[in-house]
Amino acid sequence: MEIRRRSVCAIGALLFVVIRPGSASAADLDMLVRLLVPAYMAQNFAAVCTSENPQFLSELEHGSATVGAFAEETKKRVTAGLPQDEADKVRVTAADTARQVARHELQLLSQQPAGGPPVSMKTWCDRSAKPFIVEAMRRHAEKRQEFEKQLDDAKR
C-alpha cells in the first residue's frame, strides 16, 4: 500500500509541476494536454508492465490492447478539429509529460530504501500501474460528459 500511495503522490506532484492548473480559454492547449496525459500514462504503464508480464491486464476484455484503444480514441478526440501544428504540440507535450512520469516511477522503483523489502516490477505493476490504468479508464467512461464539456471549452 505504501508504494501505491508514494506513486500516486509522485504522479500528482509531477503533473502539477509540469502542467499548471487553470481554467479553459480560447484554444487552451494546456487544458487539452491535461485531458490527454492520463491516456498516455495508461498506455506507457501498460507497455512497461506487459513487457514484464504478457498476461498483464488479462482480466480486461482485450487485455492490454484495451488500453491502447482507450489511448488512441482519447488522442483522436482531444486533437480533432485542431490545426495540425496545435494537434502535434498537444500530443507531443502530453506524451513527454507521461514519459517523464513513467521514468520517475521507474527511477523510484530502482532507488529502493536500504533495509526495506525490495519491490519487484511485478509488484509495482500490480499495486500501482494497474490501479492507475483501470481508474483512468473507469473515470473516463463514467465522466464522459464532463470530459466532453472540458474538451469543448478548451477548443473554443
N, C-alpha and C. Protein backbone atom coordinates (compact mmCIF):
# COMPACT_ATOMS: atom_id res chain seq x y z
N MET A 1 0.83 -1.19 0.00
CA MET A 1 0.00 0.00 0.00
C MET A 1 0.87 1.25 0.00
N GLU A 2 1.98 1.20 0.70
CA GLU A 2 2.88 2.35 0.78
C GLU A 2 3.40 2.72 -0.60
N ILE A 3 3.77 1.72 -1.41
CA ILE A 3 4.29 2.01 -2.74
C ILE A 3 3.22 2.69 -3.59
N ARG A 4 1.96 2.26 -3.46
CA ARG A 4 0.89 2.86 -4.24
C ARG A 4 0.68 4.31 -3.84
N ARG A 5 0.66 4.58 -2.53
CA ARG A 5 0.49 5.96 -2.07
C ARG A 5 1.63 6.84 -2.56
N ARG A 6 2.84 6.32 -2.46
CA ARG A 6 4.01 7.08 -2.90
C ARG A 6 3.91 7.37 -4.39
N SER A 7 3.49 6.37 -5.17
CA SER A 7 3.37 6.55 -6.61
C SER A 7 2.31 7.56 -6.97
N VAL A 8 1.16 7.46 -6.34
CA VAL A 8 0.08 8.40 -6.62
C VAL A 8 0.51 9.81 -6.28
N CYS A 9 1.18 9.99 -5.13
CA CYS A 9 1.66 11.33 -4.75
C CYS A 9 2.68 11.84 -5.75
N ALA A 10 3.59 10.97 -6.18
CA ALA A 10 4.62 11.38 -7.13
C ALA A 10 3.99 11.79 -8.46
N ILE A 11 3.03 11.01 -8.92
CA ILE A 11 2.37 11.33 -10.18
C ILE A 11 1.64 12.67 -10.07
N GLY A 12 0.90 12.84 -9.00
CA GLY A 12 0.16 14.10 -8.80
C GLY A 12 1.08 15.29 -8.73
N ALA A 13 2.17 15.15 -7.99
CA ALA A 13 3.12 16.26 -7.85
C ALA A 13 3.77 16.60 -9.18
N LEU A 14 4.16 15.57 -9.93
CA LEU A 14 4.81 15.82 -11.21
C LEU A 14 3.84 16.47 -12.19
N LEU A 15 2.61 15.99 -12.23
CA LEU A 15 1.64 16.59 -13.13
C LEU A 15 1.37 18.04 -12.75
N PHE A 16 1.31 18.34 -11.46
CA PHE A 16 1.07 19.71 -11.02
C PHE A 16 2.21 20.62 -11.46
N VAL A 17 3.44 20.14 -11.35
CA VAL A 17 4.59 20.96 -11.74
C VAL A 17 4.66 21.13 -13.25
N VAL A 18 4.46 20.04 -13.99
CA VAL A 18 4.60 20.10 -15.43
C VAL A 18 3.41 20.78 -16.09
N ILE A 19 2.21 20.52 -15.57
CA ILE A 19 1.00 21.06 -16.17
C ILE A 19 0.28 21.87 -15.11
N ARG A 20 0.40 23.16 -15.19
CA ARG A 20 -0.21 24.02 -14.19
C ARG A 20 -1.72 24.09 -14.39
N PRO A 21 -2.48 23.91 -13.32
CA PRO A 21 -3.93 24.00 -13.46
C PRO A 21 -4.37 25.41 -13.83
N GLY A 22 -5.46 25.49 -14.55
CA GLY A 22 -6.01 26.78 -14.94
C GLY A 22 -7.34 26.56 -15.61
N SER A 23 -8.04 27.62 -15.85
CA SER A 23 -9.34 27.47 -16.49
C SER A 23 -9.16 27.45 -18.00
N ALA A 24 -10.08 26.79 -18.66
CA ALA A 24 -10.01 26.70 -20.11
C ALA A 24 -10.37 28.04 -20.74
N SER A 25 -9.67 28.38 -21.78
CA SER A 25 -9.98 29.58 -22.54
C SER A 25 -9.83 29.25 -24.01
N ALA A 26 -9.97 30.24 -24.89
CA ALA A 26 -9.89 30.01 -26.32
C ALA A 26 -8.63 29.24 -26.68
N ALA A 27 -8.84 28.13 -27.40
CA ALA A 27 -7.73 27.28 -27.84
C ALA A 27 -6.77 27.00 -26.69
N ASP A 28 -7.28 26.53 -25.60
CA ASP A 28 -6.49 26.27 -24.40
C ASP A 28 -5.72 24.96 -24.56
N LEU A 29 -4.54 25.05 -25.12
CA LEU A 29 -3.73 23.87 -25.38
C LEU A 29 -3.28 23.20 -24.09
N ASP A 30 -3.04 23.98 -23.05
CA ASP A 30 -2.65 23.39 -21.76
C ASP A 30 -3.76 22.49 -21.22
N MET A 31 -5.00 22.92 -21.34
CA MET A 31 -6.12 22.11 -20.89
C MET A 31 -6.22 20.83 -21.72
N LEU A 32 -6.02 20.94 -23.01
CA LEU A 32 -6.06 19.76 -23.87
C LEU A 32 -4.96 18.77 -23.49
N VAL A 33 -3.80 19.29 -23.16
CA VAL A 33 -2.70 18.42 -22.70
C VAL A 33 -3.12 17.71 -21.42
N ARG A 34 -3.68 18.46 -20.47
CA ARG A 34 -4.11 17.86 -19.19
C ARG A 34 -5.14 16.75 -19.42
N LEU A 35 -6.01 16.94 -20.39
CA LEU A 35 -7.02 15.92 -20.68
C LEU A 35 -6.41 14.68 -21.33
N LEU A 36 -5.29 14.85 -22.01
CA LEU A 36 -4.67 13.75 -22.75
C LEU A 36 -3.62 12.98 -21.95
N VAL A 37 -2.97 13.61 -21.01
CA VAL A 37 -1.88 12.96 -20.26
C VAL A 37 -2.28 11.62 -19.64
N PRO A 38 -3.43 11.50 -18.97
CA PRO A 38 -3.75 10.20 -18.37
C PRO A 38 -3.81 9.05 -19.38
N ALA A 39 -4.27 9.33 -20.59
CA ALA A 39 -4.31 8.28 -21.61
C ALA A 39 -2.91 7.83 -21.99
N TYR A 40 -2.00 8.78 -22.16
CA TYR A 40 -0.61 8.43 -22.45
C TYR A 40 0.04 7.69 -21.27
N MET A 41 -0.27 8.14 -20.05
CA MET A 41 0.30 7.46 -18.88
C MET A 41 -0.18 6.02 -18.82
N ALA A 42 -1.47 5.81 -19.03
CA ALA A 42 -2.03 4.45 -19.02
C ALA A 42 -1.35 3.60 -20.08
N GLN A 43 -1.16 4.17 -21.26
CA GLN A 43 -0.52 3.45 -22.35
C GLN A 43 0.93 3.11 -22.01
N ASN A 44 1.67 4.06 -21.44
CA ASN A 44 3.05 3.81 -21.07
C ASN A 44 3.17 2.75 -19.97
N PHE A 45 2.35 2.89 -18.93
CA PHE A 45 2.39 1.91 -17.84
C PHE A 45 2.04 0.52 -18.36
N ALA A 46 1.04 0.43 -19.23
CA ALA A 46 0.64 -0.88 -19.78
C ALA A 46 1.78 -1.48 -20.60
N ALA A 47 2.45 -0.66 -21.38
CA ALA A 47 3.57 -1.16 -22.20
C ALA A 47 4.70 -1.70 -21.33
N VAL A 48 5.06 -0.95 -20.28
CA VAL A 48 6.13 -1.38 -19.38
C VAL A 48 5.75 -2.70 -18.71
N CYS A 49 4.55 -2.76 -18.19
CA CYS A 49 4.13 -3.94 -17.42
C CYS A 49 3.87 -5.15 -18.32
N THR A 50 3.37 -4.92 -19.53
CA THR A 50 3.16 -6.03 -20.45
C THR A 50 4.48 -6.61 -20.92
N SER A 51 5.51 -5.77 -21.01
CA SER A 51 6.83 -6.30 -21.40
C SER A 51 7.39 -7.21 -20.31
N GLU A 52 7.01 -6.97 -19.08
CA GLU A 52 7.44 -7.81 -17.96
C GLU A 52 6.54 -9.03 -17.80
N ASN A 53 5.26 -8.87 -18.11
CA ASN A 53 4.28 -9.94 -17.93
C ASN A 53 3.24 -9.85 -19.05
N PRO A 54 3.34 -10.71 -20.05
CA PRO A 54 2.39 -10.65 -21.17
C PRO A 54 0.93 -10.82 -20.76
N GLN A 55 0.68 -11.35 -19.57
CA GLN A 55 -0.70 -11.53 -19.09
C GLN A 55 -1.22 -10.32 -18.32
N PHE A 56 -0.40 -9.27 -18.22
CA PHE A 56 -0.81 -8.06 -17.51
C PHE A 56 -2.12 -7.54 -18.10
N LEU A 57 -3.05 -7.23 -17.25
CA LEU A 57 -4.38 -6.72 -17.61
C LEU A 57 -5.22 -7.73 -18.40
N SER A 58 -4.91 -9.01 -18.24
CA SER A 58 -5.66 -10.03 -18.97
C SER A 58 -7.12 -10.09 -18.54
N GLU A 59 -7.43 -9.50 -17.38
CA GLU A 59 -8.83 -9.50 -16.93
C GLU A 59 -9.69 -8.54 -17.75
N LEU A 60 -9.08 -7.62 -18.48
CA LEU A 60 -9.84 -6.75 -19.36
C LEU A 60 -10.24 -7.54 -20.61
N GLU A 61 -11.32 -7.15 -21.23
CA GLU A 61 -11.87 -7.91 -22.35
C GLU A 61 -10.81 -8.22 -23.42
N HIS A 62 -10.01 -7.24 -23.78
CA HIS A 62 -8.97 -7.45 -24.79
C HIS A 62 -7.58 -7.24 -24.21
N GLY A 63 -7.43 -7.44 -22.92
CA GLY A 63 -6.14 -7.30 -22.25
C GLY A 63 -5.58 -5.90 -22.40
N SER A 64 -4.26 -5.83 -22.55
CA SER A 64 -3.63 -4.51 -22.63
C SER A 64 -3.99 -3.78 -23.93
N ALA A 65 -4.51 -4.49 -24.94
CA ALA A 65 -4.96 -3.82 -26.17
C ALA A 65 -6.10 -2.85 -25.87
N THR A 66 -6.87 -3.13 -24.82
CA THR A 66 -7.95 -2.24 -24.41
C THR A 66 -7.39 -0.87 -24.04
N VAL A 67 -6.23 -0.85 -23.40
CA VAL A 67 -5.59 0.40 -23.01
C VAL A 67 -5.16 1.16 -24.25
N GLY A 68 -4.59 0.46 -25.22
CA GLY A 68 -4.17 1.10 -26.46
C GLY A 68 -5.35 1.73 -27.19
N ALA A 69 -6.46 1.03 -27.22
CA ALA A 69 -7.66 1.55 -27.88
C ALA A 69 -8.18 2.79 -27.14
N PHE A 70 -8.18 2.73 -25.81
CA PHE A 70 -8.59 3.88 -24.99
C PHE A 70 -7.70 5.09 -25.29
N ALA A 71 -6.39 4.86 -25.31
CA ALA A 71 -5.44 5.95 -25.56
C ALA A 71 -5.62 6.54 -26.96
N GLU A 72 -5.76 5.68 -27.96
CA GLU A 72 -5.91 6.17 -29.33
C GLU A 72 -7.20 6.96 -29.50
N GLU A 73 -8.29 6.46 -28.93
CA GLU A 73 -9.57 7.16 -29.02
C GLU A 73 -9.48 8.53 -28.34
N THR A 74 -8.80 8.58 -27.19
CA THR A 74 -8.65 9.84 -26.46
C THR A 74 -7.78 10.82 -27.25
N LYS A 75 -6.69 10.34 -27.83
CA LYS A 75 -5.82 11.21 -28.65
C LYS A 75 -6.61 11.81 -29.81
N LYS A 76 -7.36 10.97 -30.49
CA LYS A 76 -8.14 11.46 -31.64
C LYS A 76 -9.17 12.49 -31.21
N ARG A 77 -9.86 12.19 -30.12
CA ARG A 77 -10.93 13.09 -29.65
C ARG A 77 -10.36 14.43 -29.20
N VAL A 78 -9.25 14.40 -28.48
CA VAL A 78 -8.66 15.63 -27.95
C VAL A 78 -8.12 16.51 -29.07
N THR A 79 -7.56 15.91 -30.10
CA THR A 79 -6.93 16.71 -31.15
C THR A 79 -7.82 16.94 -32.37
N ALA A 80 -9.01 16.36 -32.38
CA ALA A 80 -9.92 16.55 -33.52
C ALA A 80 -10.26 18.03 -33.71
N GLY A 81 -10.18 18.47 -34.94
CA GLY A 81 -10.55 19.84 -35.27
C GLY A 81 -9.47 20.88 -35.02
N LEU A 82 -8.35 20.47 -34.46
CA LEU A 82 -7.25 21.43 -34.23
C LEU A 82 -6.40 21.55 -35.49
N PRO A 83 -5.81 22.72 -35.71
CA PRO A 83 -4.81 22.81 -36.78
C PRO A 83 -3.69 21.81 -36.49
N GLN A 84 -3.09 21.28 -37.52
CA GLN A 84 -2.09 20.22 -37.37
C GLN A 84 -0.96 20.59 -36.40
N ASP A 85 -0.48 21.84 -36.48
CA ASP A 85 0.63 22.23 -35.59
C ASP A 85 0.19 22.22 -34.12
N GLU A 86 -1.04 22.64 -33.84
CA GLU A 86 -1.54 22.61 -32.47
C GLU A 86 -1.78 21.18 -32.00
N ALA A 87 -2.34 20.35 -32.87
CA ALA A 87 -2.58 18.94 -32.52
C ALA A 87 -1.25 18.26 -32.21
N ASP A 88 -0.24 18.52 -33.04
CA ASP A 88 1.09 17.94 -32.80
C ASP A 88 1.66 18.40 -31.46
N LYS A 89 1.53 19.69 -31.18
CA LYS A 89 2.05 20.24 -29.93
C LYS A 89 1.37 19.59 -28.72
N VAL A 90 0.05 19.44 -28.78
CA VAL A 90 -0.69 18.82 -27.68
C VAL A 90 -0.23 17.38 -27.49
N ARG A 91 -0.16 16.62 -28.58
CA ARG A 91 0.26 15.22 -28.48
C ARG A 91 1.68 15.09 -27.93
N VAL A 92 2.60 15.86 -28.46
CA VAL A 92 3.99 15.77 -28.03
C VAL A 92 4.15 16.17 -26.56
N THR A 93 3.50 17.26 -26.16
CA THR A 93 3.60 17.71 -24.77
C THR A 93 3.01 16.68 -23.82
N ALA A 94 1.85 16.14 -24.17
CA ALA A 94 1.22 15.11 -23.32
C ALA A 94 2.08 13.85 -23.26
N ALA A 95 2.60 13.44 -24.40
CA ALA A 95 3.46 12.23 -24.43
C ALA A 95 4.73 12.45 -23.62
N ASP A 96 5.35 13.61 -23.76
CA ASP A 96 6.57 13.91 -23.00
C ASP A 96 6.29 13.92 -21.50
N THR A 97 5.16 14.50 -21.11
CA THR A 97 4.80 14.54 -19.69
C THR A 97 4.58 13.12 -19.16
N ALA A 98 3.84 12.32 -19.89
CA ALA A 98 3.59 10.94 -19.46
C ALA A 98 4.89 10.14 -19.39
N ARG A 99 5.78 10.38 -20.32
CA ARG A 99 7.09 9.70 -20.32
C ARG A 99 7.89 10.10 -19.09
N GLN A 100 7.84 11.38 -18.72
CA GLN A 100 8.54 11.84 -17.51
C GLN A 100 7.99 11.15 -16.27
N VAL A 101 6.68 11.00 -16.21
CA VAL A 101 6.06 10.33 -15.07
C VAL A 101 6.51 8.87 -15.02
N ALA A 102 6.48 8.19 -16.15
CA ALA A 102 6.90 6.78 -16.18
C ALA A 102 8.36 6.64 -15.77
N ARG A 103 9.21 7.50 -16.29
CA ARG A 103 10.63 7.45 -15.90
C ARG A 103 10.80 7.70 -14.40
N HIS A 104 10.06 8.66 -13.89
CA HIS A 104 10.13 8.97 -12.46
C HIS A 104 9.70 7.76 -11.63
N GLU A 105 8.61 7.12 -12.02
CA GLU A 105 8.13 5.94 -11.31
C GLU A 105 9.17 4.82 -11.34
N LEU A 106 9.76 4.58 -12.50
CA LEU A 106 10.77 3.52 -12.61
C LEU A 106 12.03 3.88 -11.84
N GLN A 107 12.36 5.15 -11.80
CA GLN A 107 13.51 5.60 -11.01
C GLN A 107 13.25 5.36 -9.52
N LEU A 108 12.05 5.68 -9.05
CA LEU A 108 11.71 5.42 -7.65
C LEU A 108 11.79 3.92 -7.34
N LEU A 109 11.38 3.11 -8.28
CA LEU A 109 11.42 1.66 -8.10
C LEU A 109 12.85 1.16 -7.99
N SER A 110 13.74 1.76 -8.76
CA SER A 110 15.14 1.32 -8.74
C SER A 110 15.91 1.87 -7.54
N GLN A 111 15.41 2.91 -6.91
CA GLN A 111 16.07 3.52 -5.75
C GLN A 111 15.34 3.16 -4.46
N GLN A 112 15.23 1.88 -4.22
CA GLN A 112 14.51 1.44 -3.03
C GLN A 112 15.33 1.72 -1.79
N PRO A 113 14.65 2.06 -0.69
CA PRO A 113 15.36 2.37 0.55
C PRO A 113 16.09 1.15 1.09
N ALA A 114 17.28 1.41 1.61
CA ALA A 114 18.07 0.33 2.20
C ALA A 114 17.34 -0.21 3.43
N GLY A 115 17.38 -1.50 3.59
CA GLY A 115 16.77 -2.12 4.76
C GLY A 115 15.32 -2.48 4.58
N GLY A 116 14.66 -1.90 3.58
CA GLY A 116 13.26 -2.21 3.33
C GLY A 116 13.16 -3.40 2.40
N PRO A 117 12.01 -4.02 2.34
CA PRO A 117 11.85 -5.15 1.43
C PRO A 117 11.88 -4.67 -0.01
N PRO A 118 12.56 -5.39 -0.89
CA PRO A 118 12.62 -4.97 -2.28
C PRO A 118 11.24 -5.06 -2.94
N VAL A 119 10.99 -4.12 -3.81
CA VAL A 119 9.73 -4.10 -4.53
C VAL A 119 10.04 -4.49 -5.97
N SER A 120 9.40 -5.55 -6.43
CA SER A 120 9.65 -6.02 -7.79
C SER A 120 8.83 -5.21 -8.80
N MET A 121 9.22 -5.33 -10.04
CA MET A 121 8.46 -4.68 -11.12
C MET A 121 7.04 -5.24 -11.14
N LYS A 122 6.88 -6.53 -10.93
CA LYS A 122 5.55 -7.14 -10.91
C LYS A 122 4.69 -6.52 -9.80
N THR A 123 5.28 -6.33 -8.63
CA THR A 123 4.54 -5.73 -7.52
C THR A 123 4.12 -4.31 -7.88
N TRP A 124 5.04 -3.53 -8.45
CA TRP A 124 4.71 -2.16 -8.84
C TRP A 124 3.59 -2.16 -9.88
N CYS A 125 3.70 -3.05 -10.86
CA CYS A 125 2.66 -3.12 -11.90
C CYS A 125 1.30 -3.46 -11.30
N ASP A 126 1.28 -4.44 -10.39
CA ASP A 126 0.02 -4.87 -9.80
C ASP A 126 -0.56 -3.85 -8.82
N ARG A 127 0.30 -3.20 -8.05
CA ARG A 127 -0.19 -2.31 -6.99
C ARG A 127 -0.25 -0.83 -7.36
N SER A 128 0.47 -0.43 -8.37
CA SER A 128 0.47 0.99 -8.75
C SER A 128 -0.03 1.21 -10.17
N ALA A 129 0.60 0.55 -11.13
CA ALA A 129 0.25 0.79 -12.53
C ALA A 129 -1.16 0.32 -12.84
N LYS A 130 -1.49 -0.91 -12.46
CA LYS A 130 -2.82 -1.45 -12.78
C LYS A 130 -3.94 -0.61 -12.19
N PRO A 131 -3.88 -0.25 -10.89
CA PRO A 131 -4.95 0.60 -10.36
C PRO A 131 -5.06 1.94 -11.09
N PHE A 132 -3.91 2.53 -11.46
CA PHE A 132 -3.96 3.79 -12.18
C PHE A 132 -4.65 3.61 -13.52
N ILE A 133 -4.26 2.59 -14.27
CA ILE A 133 -4.81 2.34 -15.60
C ILE A 133 -6.32 2.10 -15.52
N VAL A 134 -6.71 1.20 -14.65
CA VAL A 134 -8.13 0.84 -14.52
C VAL A 134 -8.94 2.06 -14.09
N GLU A 135 -8.41 2.82 -13.15
CA GLU A 135 -9.12 4.02 -12.67
C GLU A 135 -9.22 5.09 -13.76
N ALA A 136 -8.14 5.29 -14.52
CA ALA A 136 -8.17 6.29 -15.59
C ALA A 136 -9.23 5.93 -16.63
N MET A 137 -9.29 4.66 -16.99
CA MET A 137 -10.28 4.22 -17.97
C MET A 137 -11.69 4.28 -17.40
N ARG A 138 -11.86 3.90 -16.15
CA ARG A 138 -13.16 3.93 -15.50
C ARG A 138 -13.68 5.37 -15.40
N ARG A 139 -12.82 6.27 -14.92
CA ARG A 139 -13.23 7.68 -14.78
C ARG A 139 -13.58 8.28 -16.13
N HIS A 140 -12.80 7.93 -17.15
CA HIS A 140 -13.08 8.46 -18.48
C HIS A 140 -14.46 8.01 -18.94
N ALA A 141 -14.78 6.74 -18.72
CA ALA A 141 -16.08 6.21 -19.13
C ALA A 141 -17.22 6.81 -18.31
N GLU A 142 -17.03 6.90 -17.01
CA GLU A 142 -18.09 7.40 -16.13
C GLU A 142 -18.31 8.90 -16.23
N LYS A 143 -17.26 9.63 -16.52
CA LYS A 143 -17.36 11.09 -16.55
C LYS A 143 -17.24 11.60 -17.99
N ARG A 144 -17.76 10.85 -18.91
CA ARG A 144 -17.64 11.17 -20.32
C ARG A 144 -18.21 12.56 -20.64
N GLN A 145 -19.38 12.88 -20.09
CA GLN A 145 -19.99 14.19 -20.37
C GLN A 145 -19.12 15.33 -19.84
N GLU A 146 -18.57 15.15 -18.66
CA GLU A 146 -17.69 16.17 -18.09
C GLU A 146 -16.44 16.33 -18.96
N PHE A 147 -15.87 15.21 -19.40
CA PHE A 147 -14.70 15.23 -20.29
C PHE A 147 -15.03 15.98 -21.57
N GLU A 148 -16.18 15.67 -22.16
CA GLU A 148 -16.58 16.32 -23.41
C GLU A 148 -16.79 17.82 -23.21
N LYS A 149 -17.37 18.22 -22.09
CA LYS A 149 -17.55 19.64 -21.80
C LYS A 149 -16.21 20.35 -21.67
N GLN A 150 -15.28 19.74 -20.91
CA GLN A 150 -13.94 20.33 -20.77
C GLN A 150 -13.25 20.43 -22.13
N LEU A 151 -13.42 19.41 -22.92
CA LEU A 151 -12.83 19.38 -24.26
C LEU A 151 -13.41 20.51 -25.12
N ASP A 152 -14.72 20.62 -25.12
CA ASP A 152 -15.37 21.69 -25.90
C ASP A 152 -14.95 23.07 -25.40
N ASP A 153 -14.89 23.26 -24.08
CA ASP A 153 -14.47 24.54 -23.52
C ASP A 153 -13.04 24.87 -23.94
N ALA A 154 -12.19 23.88 -23.93
CA ALA A 154 -10.78 24.12 -24.27
C ALA A 154 -10.58 24.45 -25.75
N LYS A 155 -11.49 24.00 -26.57
CA LYS A 155 -11.36 24.23 -28.02
C LYS A 155 -12.04 25.51 -28.49
N ARG A 156 -12.69 26.24 -27.61
CA ARG A 156 -13.39 27.49 -28.00
C ARG A 156 -12.41 28.61 -28.18
